[in-house]
PDB file of N, CA and C in Angstrom:
ATOM      1  N   MET A   1      95.482  86.271  68.174  1.00  0.00           N
ATOM      2  CA  MET A   1      94.510  87.231  68.630  1.00  0.00           C
ATOM      3  C   MET A   1      93.255  87.103  67.757  1.00  0.00           C
ATOM      4  N   LYS A   2      92.106  87.238  68.361  1.00  0.00           N
ATOM      5  CA  LYS A   2      90.846  87.094  67.644  1.00  0.00           C
ATOM      6  C   LYS A   2      90.669  88.220  66.628  1.00  0.00           C
ATOM      7  N   GLU A   3      89.965  87.891  65.539  1.00  0.00           N
ATOM      8  CA  GLU A   3      89.722  88.888  64.495  1.00  0.00           C
ATOM      9  C   GLU A   3      88.938  90.076  65.043  1.00  0.00           C
ATOM     10  N   LYS A   4      87.966  89.798  65.915  1.00  0.00           N
ATOM     11  CA  LYS A   4      87.165  90.871  66.504  1.00  0.00           C
ATOM     12  C   LYS A   4      88.048  91.813  67.315  1.00  0.00           C
ATOM     13  N   ASP A   5      88.992  91.245  68.081  1.00  0.00           N
ATOM     14  CA  ASP A   5      89.916  92.072  68.865  1.00  0.00           C
ATOM     15  C   ASP A   5      90.802  92.924  67.955  1.00  0.00           C
ATOM     16  N   LEU A   6      91.242  92.326  66.859  1.00  0.00           N
ATOM     17  CA  LEU A   6      92.081  93.080  65.920  1.00  0.00           C
ATOM     18  C   LEU A   6      91.302  94.239  65.300  1.00  0.00           C
ATOM     19  N   GLU A   7      90.047  93.979  64.957  1.00  0.00           N
ATOM     20  CA  GLU A   7      89.216  95.046  64.396  1.00  0.00           C
ATOM     21  C   GLU A   7      89.021  96.162  65.419  1.00  0.00           C
ATOM     22  N   LYS A   8      88.792  95.780  66.661  1.00  0.00           N
ATOM     23  CA  LYS A   8      88.582  96.750  67.733  1.00  0.00           C
ATOM     24  C   LYS A   8      89.841  97.603  67.920  1.00  0.00           C
ATOM     25  N   LYS A   9      90.998  96.954  67.909  1.00  0.00           N
ATOM     26  CA  LYS A   9      92.257  97.687  68.066  1.00  0.00           C
ATOM     27  C   LYS A   9      92.486  98.636  66.901  1.00  0.00           C
ATOM     28  N   GLU A  10      92.166  98.170  65.701  1.00  0.00           N
ATOM     29  CA  GLU A  10      92.361  99.022  64.528  1.00  0.00           C
ATOM     30  C   GLU A  10      91.447 100.242  64.586  1.00  0.00           C
ATOM     31  N   ARG A  11      90.184 100.046  64.984  1.00  0.00           N
ATOM     32  CA  ARG A  11      89.267 101.178  65.135  1.00  0.00           C
ATOM     33  C   ARG A  11      89.782 102.140  66.205  1.00  0.00           C
ATOM     34  N   PHE A  12      90.292 101.574  67.303  1.00  0.00           N
ATOM     35  CA  PHE A  12      90.825 102.408  68.381  1.00  0.00           C
ATOM     36  C   PHE A  12      92.005 103.239  67.878  1.00  0.00           C
ATOM     37  N   ARG A  13      92.891 102.615  67.105  1.00  0.00           N
ATOM     38  CA  ARG A  13      94.045 103.345  66.553  1.00  0.00           C
ATOM     39  C   ARG A  13      93.579 104.527  65.695  1.00  0.00           C
ATOM     40  N   LYS A  14      92.587 104.264  64.851  1.00  0.00           N
ATOM     41  CA  LYS A  14      92.072 105.339  63.996  1.00  0.00           C
ATOM     42  C   LYS A  14      91.492 106.471  64.840  1.00  0.00           C
ATOM     43  N   MET A  15      90.722 106.114  65.858  1.00  0.00           N
ATOM     44  CA  MET A  15      90.125 107.131  66.725  1.00  0.00           C
ATOM     45  C   MET A  15      91.210 107.897  67.469  1.00  0.00           C
ATOM     46  N   TRP A  16      92.187 107.167  67.983  1.00  0.00           N
ATOM     47  CA  TRP A  16      93.243 107.771  68.787  1.00  0.00           C
ATOM     48  C   TRP A  16      94.017 108.813  67.977  1.00  0.00           C
ATOM     49  N   VAL A  17      94.363 108.458  66.734  1.00  0.00           N
ATOM     50  CA  VAL A  17      95.094 109.390  65.866  1.00  0.00           C
ATOM     51  C   VAL A  17      94.258 110.640  65.629  1.00  0.00           C
ATOM     52  N   LEU A  18      92.965 110.456  65.387  1.00  0.00           N
ATOM     53  CA  LEU A  18      92.093 111.607  65.139  1.00  0.00           C
ATOM     54  C   LEU A  18      91.988 112.520  66.355  1.00  0.00           C
ATOM     55  N   LEU A  19      92.045 111.946  67.538  1.00  0.00           N
ATOM     56  CA  LEU A  19      91.944 112.756  68.765  1.00  0.00           C
ATOM     57  C   LEU A  19      93.090 113.751  68.906  1.00  0.00           C
ATOM     58  N   PHE A  20      94.223 113.435  68.324  1.00  0.00           N
ATOM     59  CA  PHE A  20      95.379 114.317  68.451  1.00  0.00           C
ATOM     60  C   PHE A  20      95.450 115.357  67.333  1.00  0.00           C
ATOM     61  N   GLU A  21      94.491 115.302  66.449  1.00  0.00           N
ATOM     62  CA  GLU A  21      94.400 116.315  65.394  1.00  0.00           C
ATOM     63  C   GLU A  21      93.602 117.502  65.924  1.00  0.00           C
ATOM     64  N   ASP A  22      93.848 118.639  65.359  1.00  0.00           N
ATOM     65  CA  ASP A  22      93.035 119.822  65.665  1.00  0.00           C
ATOM     66  C   ASP A  22      91.638 119.539  65.118  1.00  0.00           C
ATOM     67  N   PRO A  23      90.603 119.597  65.942  1.00  0.00           N
ATOM     68  CA  PRO A  23      89.252 119.283  65.468  1.00  0.00           C
ATOM     69  C   PRO A  23      88.832 120.099  64.245  1.00  0.00           C
ATOM     70  N   GLU A  24      89.370 121.298  64.119  1.00  0.00           N
ATOM     71  CA  GLU A  24      89.001 122.142  62.989  1.00  0.00           C
ATOM     72  C   GLU A  24      89.542 121.606  61.664  1.00  0.00           C
ATOM     73  N   THR A  25      90.547 120.736  61.737  1.00  0.00           N
ATOM     74  CA  THR A  25      91.128 120.182  60.506  1.00  0.00           C
ATOM     75  C   THR A  25      90.463 118.865  60.098  1.00  0.00           C
ATOM     76  N   LEU A  26      89.600 118.329  60.961  1.00  0.00           N
ATOM     77  CA  LEU A  26      88.934 117.055  60.666  1.00  0.00           C
ATOM     78  C   LEU A  26      87.754 117.250  59.732  1.00  0.00           C
ATOM     79  N   SER A  27      87.518 116.240  58.935  1.00  0.00           N
ATOM     80  CA  SER A  27      86.358 116.274  58.043  1.00  0.00           C
ATOM     81  C   SER A  27      85.091 116.011  58.857  1.00  0.00           C
ATOM     82  N   ASP A  28      83.945 116.303  58.256  1.00  0.00           N
ATOM     83  CA  ASP A  28      82.671 116.027  58.919  1.00  0.00           C
ATOM     84  C   ASP A  28      82.551 114.538  59.244  1.00  0.00           C
ATOM     85  N   ALA A  29      82.999 113.689  58.322  1.00  0.00           N
ATOM     86  CA  ALA A  29      82.918 112.233  58.526  1.00  0.00           C
ATOM     87  C   ALA A  29      83.793 111.800  59.702  1.00  0.00           C
ATOM     88  N   GLN A  30      84.971 112.379  59.831  1.00  0.00           N
ATOM     89  CA  GLN A  30      85.869 112.031  60.936  1.00  0.00           C
ATOM     90  C   GLN A  30      85.281 112.463  62.277  1.00  0.00           C
ATOM     91  N   ILE A  31      84.711 113.657  62.320  1.00  0.00           N
ATOM     92  CA  ILE A  31      84.090 114.143  63.560  1.00  0.00           C
ATOM     93  C   ILE A  31      82.909 113.255  63.922  1.00  0.00           C
ATOM     94  N   LYS A  32      82.094 112.921  62.932  1.00  0.00           N
ATOM     95  CA  LYS A  32      80.938 112.053  63.164  1.00  0.00           C
ATOM     96  C   LYS A  32      81.405 110.691  63.698  1.00  0.00           C
ATOM     97  N   PHE A  33      82.455 110.148  63.085  1.00  0.00           N
ATOM     98  CA  PHE A  33      83.019 108.865  63.516  1.00  0.00           C
ATOM     99  C   PHE A  33      83.414 108.917  64.990  1.00  0.00           C
ATOM    100  N   LEU A  34      84.132 109.960  65.389  1.00  0.00           N
ATOM    101  CA  LEU A  34      84.562 110.082  66.784  1.00  0.00           C
ATOM    102  C   LEU A  34      83.369 110.206  67.729  1.00  0.00           C
ATOM    103  N   LEU A  35      82.434 111.021  67.364  1.00  0.00           N
ATOM    104  CA  LEU A  35      81.282 111.243  68.243  1.00  0.00           C
ATOM    105  C   LEU A  35      80.390 110.004  68.342  1.00  0.00           C
ATOM    106  N   GLU A  36      80.272 109.254  67.250  1.00  0.00           N
ATOM    107  CA  GLU A  36      79.474 108.025  67.283  1.00  0.00           C
ATOM    108  C   GLU A  36      80.144 106.946  68.131  1.00  0.00           C
ATOM    109  N   GLU A  37      81.447 106.997  68.206  1.00  0.00           N
ATOM    110  CA  GLU A  37      82.206 105.974  68.934  1.00  0.00           C
ATOM    111  C   GLU A  37      82.661 106.457  70.313  1.00  0.00           C
ATOM    112  N   GLU A  38      82.040 107.509  70.806  1.00  0.00           N
ATOM    113  CA  GLU A  38      82.462 108.122  72.066  1.00  0.00           C
ATOM    114  C   GLU A  38      82.531 107.116  73.214  1.00  0.00           C
ATOM    115  N   GLU A  39      81.474 106.336  73.406  1.00  0.00           N
ATOM    116  CA  GLU A  39      81.451 105.383  74.530  1.00  0.00           C
ATOM    117  C   GLU A  39      82.570 104.359  74.426  1.00  0.00           C
ATOM    118  N   GLU A  40      82.728 103.795  73.229  1.00  0.00           N
ATOM    119  CA  GLU A  40      83.779 102.799  73.043  1.00  0.00           C
ATOM    120  C   GLU A  40      85.158 103.422  73.227  1.00  0.00           C
ATOM    121  N   LEU A  41      85.333 104.614  72.705  1.00  0.00           N
ATOM    122  CA  LEU A  41      86.611 105.311  72.845  1.00  0.00           C
ATOM    123  C   LEU A  41      86.932 105.573  74.314  1.00  0.00           C
ATOM    124  N   ARG A  42      85.944 106.027  75.060  1.00  0.00           N
ATOM    125  CA  ARG A  42      86.148 106.267  76.507  1.00  0.00           C
ATOM    126  C   ARG A  42      86.505 104.958  77.212  1.00  0.00           C
ATOM    127  N   SER A  43      85.781 103.900  76.876  1.00  0.00           N
ATOM    128  CA  SER A  43      86.002 102.600  77.510  1.00  0.00           C
ATOM    129  C   SER A  43      87.403 102.064  77.209  1.00  0.00           C
ATOM    130  N   LEU A  44      87.795 102.118  75.946  1.00  0.00           N
ATOM    131  CA  LEU A  44      89.122 101.619  75.564  1.00  0.00           C
ATOM    132  C   LEU A  44      90.237 102.463  76.162  1.00  0.00           C
ATOM    133  N   THR A  45      90.043 103.766  76.169  1.00  0.00           N
ATOM    134  CA  THR A  45      91.044 104.664  76.755  1.00  0.00           C
ATOM    135  C   THR A  45      91.204 104.370  78.242  1.00  0.00           C
ATOM    136  N   TYR A  46      90.090 104.195  78.922  1.00  0.00           N
ATOM    137  CA  TYR A  46      90.147 103.886  80.349  1.00  0.00           C
ATOM    138  C   TYR A  46      90.840 102.544  80.581  1.00  0.00           C
ATOM    139  N   SER A  47      90.525 101.559  79.749  1.00  0.00           N
ATOM    140  CA  SER A  47      91.139 100.236  79.874  1.00  0.00           C
ATOM    141  C   SER A  47      92.662 100.308  79.761  1.00  0.00           C
ATOM    142  N   VAL A  48      93.132 101.063  78.778  1.00  0.00           N
ATOM    143  CA  VAL A  48      94.586 101.233  78.606  1.00  0.00           C
ATOM    144  C   VAL A  48      95.156 101.985  79.796  1.00  0.00           C
ATOM    145  N   PHE A  49      94.466 103.026  80.227  1.00  0.00           N
ATOM    146  CA  PHE A  49      94.915 103.854  81.342  1.00  0.00           C
ATOM    147  C   PHE A  49      95.097 103.030  82.622  1.00  0.00           C
ATOM    148  N   VAL A  50      94.129 102.172  82.962  1.00  0.00           N
ATOM    149  CA  VAL A  50      94.225 101.426  84.220  1.00  0.00           C
ATOM    150  C   VAL A  50      95.293 100.335  84.161  1.00  0.00           C
ATOM    151  N   GLN A  51      95.629  99.907  82.961  1.00  0.00           N
ATOM    152  CA  GLN A  51      96.675  98.890  82.825  1.00  0.00           C
ATOM    153  C   GLN A  51      98.078  99.481  82.864  1.00  0.00           C
ATOM    154  N   PHE A  52      98.161 100.779  82.621  1.00  0.00           N
ATOM    155  CA  PHE A  52      99.462 101.429  82.576  1.00  0.00           C
ATOM    156  C   PHE A  52      99.835 101.927  83.962  1.00  0.00           C
ATOM    157  N   PRO A  53     101.045 101.729  84.423  1.00  0.00           N
ATOM    158  CA  PRO A  53     102.197 101.127  83.767  1.00  0.00           C
ATOM    159  C   PRO A  53     102.395  99.648  84.114  1.00  0.00           C
ATOM    160  N   GLU A  54     101.483  99.068  84.922  1.00  0.00           N
ATOM    161  CA  GLU A  54     101.693  97.707  85.413  1.00  0.00           C
ATOM    162  C   GLU A  54     101.935  96.689  84.301  1.00  0.00           C
ATOM    163  N   ARG A  55     101.153  96.748  83.250  1.00  0.00           N
ATOM    164  CA  ARG A  55     101.305  95.773  82.171  1.00  0.00           C
ATOM    165  C   ARG A  55     102.675  95.899  81.511  1.00  0.00           C
ATOM    166  N   TRP A  56     103.144  97.109  81.341  1.00  0.00           N
ATOM    167  CA  TRP A  56     104.446  97.348  80.727  1.00  0.00           C
ATOM    168  C   TRP A  56     105.569  96.893  81.656  1.00  0.00           C
ATOM    169  N   LYS A  57     105.379  97.100  82.955  1.00  0.00           N
ATOM    170  CA  LYS A  57     106.382  96.646  83.930  1.00  0.00           C
ATOM    171  C   LYS A  57     106.482  95.127  83.926  1.00  0.00           C
ATOM    172  N   ARG A  58     105.330  94.458  83.784  1.00  0.00           N
ATOM    173  CA  ARG A  58     105.353  92.988  83.726  1.00  0.00           C
ATOM    174  C   ARG A  58     106.160  92.495  82.528  1.00  0.00           C
ATOM    175  N   VAL A  59     105.995  93.152  81.402  1.00  0.00           N
ATOM    176  CA  VAL A  59     106.743  92.768  80.201  1.00  0.00           C
ATOM    177  C   VAL A  59     108.231  93.003  80.435  1.00  0.00           C
ATOM    178  N   GLU A  60     108.564  94.128  81.037  1.00  0.00           N
ATOM    179  CA  GLU A  60     109.967  94.418  81.339  1.00  0.00           C
ATOM    180  C   GLU A  60     110.535  93.357  82.297  1.00  0.00           C
ATOM    181  N   ASN A  61     109.792  93.039  83.348  1.00  0.00           N
ATOM    182  CA  ASN A  61     110.226  92.008  84.297  1.00  0.00           C
ATOM    183  C   ASN A  61     110.369  90.660  83.604  1.00  0.00           C
ATOM    184  N   TYR A  62     109.388  90.338  82.760  1.00  0.00           N
ATOM    185  CA  TYR A  62     109.418  89.082  82.017  1.00  0.00           C
ATOM    186  C   TYR A  62     110.704  88.977  81.202  1.00  0.00           C
ATOM    187  N   ARG A  63     111.028  90.014  80.473  1.00  0.00           N
ATOM    188  CA  ARG A  63     112.224  89.984  79.617  1.00  0.00           C
ATOM    189  C   ARG A  63     113.499  89.874  80.441  1.00  0.00           C
ATOM    190  N   ASN A  64     113.558  90.588  81.553  1.00  0.00           N
ATOM    191  CA  ASN A  64     114.745  90.507  82.416  1.00  0.00           C
ATOM    192  C   ASN A  64     114.885  89.118  83.037  1.00  0.00           C
ATOM    193  N   LYS A  65     113.784  88.585  83.537  1.00  0.00           N
ATOM    194  CA  LYS A  65     113.842  87.243  84.130  1.00  0.00           C
ATOM    195  C   LYS A  65     114.181  86.188  83.085  1.00  0.00           C
ATOM    196  N   LYS A  66     113.643  86.355  81.902  1.00  0.00           N
ATOM    197  CA  LYS A  66     113.913  85.372  80.849  1.00  0.00           C
ATOM    198  C   LYS A  66     115.395  85.355  80.502  1.00  0.00           C
ATOM    199  N   LYS A  67     116.013  86.536  80.437  1.00  0.00           N
ATOM    200  CA  LYS A  67     117.463  86.602  80.183  1.00  0.00           C
ATOM    201  C   LYS A  67     118.212  85.859  81.271  1.00  0.00           C
ATOM    202  N   GLU A  68     117.817  86.123  82.508  1.00  0.00           N
ATOM    203  CA  GLU A  68     118.475  85.494  83.652  1.00  0.00           C
ATOM    204  C   GLU A  68     118.283  83.972  83.640  1.00  0.00           C
ATOM    205  N   LEU A  69     117.054  83.535  83.465  1.00  0.00           N
ATOM    206  CA  LEU A  69     116.766  82.095  83.497  1.00  0.00           C
ATOM    207  C   LEU A  69     117.301  81.352  82.278  1.00  0.00           C
ATOM    208  N   SER A  70     117.454  82.054  81.180  1.00  0.00           N
ATOM    209  CA  SER A  70     117.950  81.382  79.967  1.00  0.00           C
ATOM    210  C   SER A  70     119.422  80.992  80.092  1.00  0.00           C
ATOM    211  N   ARG A  71     120.076  81.499  81.105  1.00  0.00           N
ATOM    212  CA  ARG A  71     121.478  81.121  81.355  1.00  0.00           C
ATOM    213  C   ARG A  71     121.583  79.727  81.964  1.00  0.00           C
ATOM    214  N   LEU A  72     120.473  79.237  82.499  1.00  0.00           N
ATOM    215  CA  LEU A  72     120.476  77.918  83.130  1.00  0.00           C
ATOM    216  C   LEU A  72     120.382  76.818  82.076  1.00  0.00           C
ATOM    217  N   SER A  73     120.898  75.660  82.435  1.00  0.00           N
ATOM    218  CA  SER A  73     120.803  74.513  81.528  1.00  0.00           C
ATOM    219  C   SER A  73     119.372  73.969  81.539  1.00  0.00           C
ATOM    220  N   LYS A  74     119.046  73.164  80.554  1.00  0.00           N
ATOM    221  CA  LYS A  74     117.710  72.544  80.491  1.00  0.00           C
ATOM    222  C   LYS A  74     117.453  71.719  81.748  1.00  0.00           C
ATOM    223  N   GLU A  75     118.472  71.058  82.203  1.00  0.00           N
ATOM    224  CA  GLU A  75     118.332  70.215  83.397  1.00  0.00           C
ATOM    225  C   GLU A  75     117.998  71.066  84.625  1.00  0.00           C
ATOM    226  N   GLU A  76     118.703  72.183  84.780  1.00  0.00           N
ATOM    227  CA  GLU A  76     118.422  73.088  85.904  1.00  0.00           C
ATOM    228  C   GLU A  76     117.008  73.667  85.809  1.00  0.00           C
ATOM    229  N   LEU A  77     116.606  73.988  84.588  1.00  0.00           N
ATOM    230  CA  LEU A  77     115.249  74.511  84.383  1.00  0.00           C
ATOM    231  C   LEU A  77     114.209  73.458  84.766  1.00  0.00           C
ATOM    232  N   LYS A  78     114.439  72.239  84.353  1.00  0.00           N
ATOM    233  CA  LYS A  78     113.503  71.157  84.678  1.00  0.00           C
ATOM    234  C   LYS A  78     113.433  70.931  86.185  1.00  0.00           C
ATOM    235  N   GLU A  79     114.568  71.043  86.871  1.00  0.00           N
ATOM    236  CA  GLU A  79     114.584  70.897  88.336  1.00  0.00           C
ATOM    237  C   GLU A  79     113.778  72.015  88.997  1.00  0.00           C
ATOM    238  N   LYS A  80     113.973  73.232  88.506  1.00  0.00           N
ATOM    239  CA  LYS A  80     113.210  74.362  89.056  1.00  0.00           C
ATOM    240  C   LYS A  80     111.710  74.160  88.828  1.00  0.00           C
ATOM    241  N   MET A  81     111.359  73.705  87.651  1.00  0.00           N
ATOM    242  CA  MET A  81     109.949  73.483  87.338  1.00  0.00           C
ATOM    243  C   MET A  81     109.377  72.381  88.229  1.00  0.00           C
ATOM    244  N   GLU A  82     110.144  71.383  88.457  1.00  0.00           N
ATOM    245  CA  GLU A  82     109.695  70.290  89.327  1.00  0.00           C
ATOM    246  C   GLU A  82     109.436  70.806  90.747  1.00  0.00           C
ATOM    247  N   ARG A  83     110.310  71.679  91.246  1.00  0.00           N
ATOM    248  CA  ARG A  83     110.104  72.271  92.574  1.00  0.00           C
ATOM    249  C   ARG A  83     108.820  73.104  92.607  1.00  0.00           C
ATOM    250  N   ILE A  84     108.601  73.866  91.545  1.00  0.00           N
ATOM    251  CA  ILE A  84     107.382  74.681  91.462  1.00  0.00           C
ATOM    252  C   ILE A  84     106.150  73.775  91.471  1.00  0.00           C
ATOM    253  N   MET A  85     106.189  72.717  90.685  1.00  0.00           N
ATOM    254  CA  MET A  85     105.044  71.802  90.605  1.00  0.00           C
ATOM    255  C   MET A  85     104.841  71.062  91.936  1.00  0.00           C
ATOM    256  N   ASP A  86     105.925  70.691  92.578  1.00  0.00           N
ATOM    257  CA  ASP A  86     105.820  70.045  93.899  1.00  0.00           C
ATOM    258  C   ASP A  86     105.169  70.990  94.900  1.00  0.00           C
ATOM    259  N   HIS A  87     105.559  72.229  94.857  1.00  0.00           N
ATOM    260  CA  HIS A  87     104.983  73.233  95.759  1.00  0.00           C
ATOM    261  C   HIS A  87     103.482  73.406  95.496  1.00  0.00           C
ATOM    262  N   ARG A  88     103.115  73.483  94.231  1.00  0.00           N
ATOM    263  CA  ARG A  88     101.689  73.603  93.871  1.00  0.00           C
ATOM    264  C   ARG A  88     100.912  72.368  94.333  1.00  0.00           C
ATOM    265  N   SER A  89     101.494  71.205  94.156  1.00  0.00           N
ATOM    266  CA  SER A  89     100.837  69.968  94.589  1.00  0.00           C
ATOM    267  C   SER A  89     100.650  69.953  96.095  1.00  0.00           C
ATOM    268  N   HIS A  90     101.672  70.409  96.802  1.00  0.00           N
ATOM    269  CA  HIS A  90     101.586  70.482  98.258  1.00  0.00           C
ATOM    270  C   HIS A  90     100.435  71.397  98.685  1.00  0.00           C
ATOM    271  N   ILE A  91     100.331  72.524  98.036  1.00  0.00           N
ATOM    272  CA  ILE A  91      99.249  73.469  98.350  1.00  0.00           C
ATOM    273  C   ILE A  91      97.895  72.814  98.088  1.00  0.00           C
ATOM    274  N   LEU A  92      97.779  72.137  96.979  1.00  0.00           N
ATOM    275  CA  LEU A  92      96.506  71.474  96.649  1.00  0.00           C
ATOM    276  C   LEU A  92      96.125  70.406  97.681  1.00  0.00           C
ATOM    277  N   ARG A  93      97.125  69.724  98.194  1.00  0.00           N
ATOM    278  CA  ARG A  93      96.864  68.676  99.198  1.00  0.00           C
ATOM    279  C   ARG A  93      96.508  69.240 100.562  1.00  0.00           C
ATOM    280  N   THR A  94      97.057  70.395 100.891  1.00  0.00           N
ATOM    281  CA  THR A  94      96.914  70.905 102.253  1.00  0.00           C
ATOM    282  C   THR A  94      95.881  72.015 102.419  1.00  0.00           C
ATOM    283  N   VAL A  95      95.433  72.591 101.314  1.00  0.00           N
ATOM    284  CA  VAL A  95      94.493  73.709 101.397  1.00  0.00           C
ATOM    285  C   VAL A  95      93.214  73.307 100.657  1.00  0.00           C
ATOM    286  N   SER A  96      92.093  73.617 101.261  1.00  0.00           N
ATOM    287  CA  SER A  96      90.833  73.280 100.600  1.00  0.00           C
ATOM    288  C   SER A  96      90.599  74.196  99.401  1.00  0.00           C
ATOM    289  N   ASP A  97      89.846  73.690  98.443  1.00  0.00           N
ATOM    290  CA  ASP A  97      89.559  74.478  97.237  1.00  0.00           C
ATOM    291  C   ASP A  97      88.903  75.813  97.567  1.00  0.00           C
ATOM    292  N   ASP A  98      88.080  75.814  98.597  1.00  0.00           N
ATOM    293  CA  ASP A  98      87.389  77.048  98.983  1.00  0.00           C
ATOM    294  C   ASP A  98      88.359  78.126  99.455  1.00  0.00           C
ATOM    295  N   GLU A  99      89.475  77.707 100.013  1.00  0.00           N
ATOM    296  CA  GLU A  99      90.461  78.667 100.536  1.00  0.00           C
ATOM    297  C   GLU A  99      91.389  79.209  99.447  1.00  0.00           C
ATOM    298  N   LEU A 100      91.444  78.510  98.327  1.00  0.00           N
ATOM    299  CA  LEU A 100      92.334  78.942  97.247  1.00  0.00           C
ATOM    300  C   LEU A 100      91.649  80.004  96.388  1.00  0.00           C
ATOM    301  N   SER A 101      92.406  80.993  96.023  1.00  0.00           N
ATOM    302  CA  SER A 101      91.833  82.024  95.143  1.00  0.00           C
ATOM    303  C   SER A 101      91.739  81.453  93.726  1.00  0.00           C
ATOM    304  N   ASP A 102      90.884  82.046  92.936  1.00  0.00           N
ATOM    305  CA  ASP A 102      90.713  81.598  91.549  1.00  0.00           C
ATOM    306  C   ASP A 102      92.016  81.700  90.771  1.00  0.00           C
ATOM    307  N   SER A 103      92.841  82.646  91.130  1.00  0.00           N
ATOM    308  CA  SER A 103      94.091  82.848  90.403  1.00  0.00           C
ATOM    309  C   SER A 103      95.024  81.630  90.494  1.00  0.00           C
ATOM    310  N   PHE A 104      94.846  80.828  91.537  1.00  0.00           N
ATOM    311  CA  PHE A 104      95.669  79.630  91.675  1.00  0.00           C
ATOM    312  C   PHE A 104      95.433  78.680  90.500  1.00  0.00           C
ATOM    313  N   PHE A 105      94.231  78.684  89.960  1.00  0.00           N
ATOM    314  CA  PHE A 105      93.864  77.763  88.890  1.00  0.00           C
ATOM    315  C   PHE A 105      94.022  78.381  87.501  1.00  0.00           C
ATOM    316  N   GLU A 106      94.380  79.642  87.451  1.00  0.00           N
ATOM    317  CA  GLU A 106      94.574  80.317  86.169  1.00  0.00           C
ATOM    318  C   GLU A 106      96.003  80.105  85.680  1.00  0.00           C
ATOM    319  N   SER A 107      96.232  80.471  84.444  1.00  0.00           N
ATOM    320  CA  SER A 107      97.592  80.424  83.901  1.00  0.00           C
ATOM    321  C   SER A 107      98.486  81.334  84.729  1.00  0.00           C
ATOM    322  N   PRO A 108      99.747  80.965  84.878  1.00  0.00           N
ATOM    323  CA  PRO A 108     100.644  81.824  85.663  1.00  0.00           C
ATOM    324  C   PRO A 108     100.863  83.163  84.967  1.00  0.00           C
ATOM    325  N   PRO A 109     101.153  84.197  85.735  1.00  0.00           N
ATOM    326  CA  PRO A 109     101.401  85.517  85.141  1.00  0.00           C
ATOM    327  C   PRO A 109     102.580  85.482  84.167  1.00  0.00           C
ATOM    328  N   LEU A 110     102.566  86.385  83.237  1.00  0.00           N
ATOM    329  CA  LEU A 110     103.603  86.473  82.218  1.00  0.00           C
ATOM    330  C   LEU A 110     105.003  86.466  82.819  1.00  0.00           C
ATOM    331  N   ASP A 111     105.212  87.246  83.880  1.00  0.00           N
ATOM    332  CA  ASP A 111     106.555  87.412  84.436  1.00  0.00           C
ATOM    333  C   ASP A 111     106.884  86.419  85.551  1.00  0.00           C
ATOM    334  N   SER A 112     106.088  85.367  85.685  1.00  0.00           N
ATOM    335  CA  SER A 112     106.368  84.375  86.731  1.00  0.00           C
ATOM    336  C   SER A 112     107.455  83.397  86.269  1.00  0.00           C
ATOM    337  N   ASP A 113     108.208  82.902  87.226  1.00  0.00           N
ATOM    338  CA  ASP A 113     109.226  81.900  86.904  1.00  0.00           C
ATOM    339  C   ASP A 113     108.588  80.694  86.216  1.00  0.00           C
ATOM    340  N   GLU A 114     107.439  80.295  86.714  1.00  0.00           N
ATOM    341  CA  GLU A 114     106.752  79.125  86.151  1.00  0.00           C
ATOM    342  C   GLU A 114     106.491  79.305  84.656  1.00  0.00           C
ATOM    343  N   ASN A 115     105.966  80.433  84.278  1.00  0.00           N
ATOM    344  CA  ASN A 115     105.670  80.701  82.876  1.00  0.00           C
ATOM    345  C   ASN A 115     106.948  80.740  82.034  1.00  0.00           C
ATOM    346  N   ILE A 116     107.934  81.438  82.528  1.00  0.00           N
ATOM    347  CA  ILE A 116     109.178  81.617  81.750  1.00  0.00           C
ATOM    348  C   ILE A 116     109.928  80.294  81.624  1.00  0.00           C
ATOM    349  N   ILE A 117     110.007  79.546  82.701  1.00  0.00           N
ATOM    350  CA  ILE A 117     110.692  78.259  82.641  1.00  0.00           C
ATOM    351  C   ILE A 117     109.988  77.325  81.667  1.00  0.00           C
ATOM    352  N   TYR A 118     108.666  77.323  81.716  1.00  0.00           N
ATOM    353  CA  TYR A 118     107.900  76.495  80.779  1.00  0.00           C
ATOM    354  C   TYR A 118     108.246  76.869  79.340  1.00  0.00           C
ATOM    355  N   GLU A 119     108.296  78.159  79.039  1.00  0.00           N
ATOM    356  CA  GLU A 119     108.656  78.610  77.690  1.00  0.00           C
ATOM    357  C   GLU A 119     110.061  78.154  77.297  1.00  0.00           C
ATOM    358  N   LEU A 120     110.993  78.310  78.228  1.00  0.00           N
ATOM    359  CA  LEU A 120     112.381  77.950  77.933  1.00  0.00           C
ATOM    360  C   LEU A 120     112.552  76.447  77.728  1.00  0.00           C
ATOM    361  N   ILE A 121     111.827  75.662  78.461  1.00  0.00           N
ATOM    362  CA  ILE A 121     111.904  74.202  78.308  1.00  0.00           C
ATOM    363  C   ILE A 121     111.339  73.811  76.938  1.00  0.00           C
ATOM    364  N   LYS A 122     110.272  74.482  76.521  1.00  0.00           N
ATOM    365  CA  LYS A 122     109.658  74.173  75.221  1.00  0.00           C
ATOM    366  C   LYS A 122     110.563  74.521  74.034  1.00  0.00           C
ATOM    367  N   GLU A 123     111.403  75.525  74.213  1.00  0.00           N
ATOM    368  CA  GLU A 123     112.259  75.990  73.097  1.00  0.00           C
ATOM    369  C   GLU A 123     113.240  74.927  72.659  1.00  0.00           C
TER     370      GLU A 123
END
């Protein structure tokens, strides 16, 4: 994770903890900090809000699928990956680039078989 992202998360954590305190117990510096960072705090809070619960469900699905797929042998995993790659190649041959969504060219989602199988093969 980038250093800038880590700093942003750390600032968000500090702000978040302060929000749950009684404002009357906060120091002048803490209140000033929250008020100066209002826009960023609203933005980060909204970002977390719109991702919930989907992002957490993806992680749960990822872990469940990984348990299931990890029962397969390396050979079976490689066969599954080959089928996935064959399917992707077929799509590339038969569908024009204009018809494909950008997501086709992005990394596969965390909870996709393609992603999990790739991880398991690398292990």
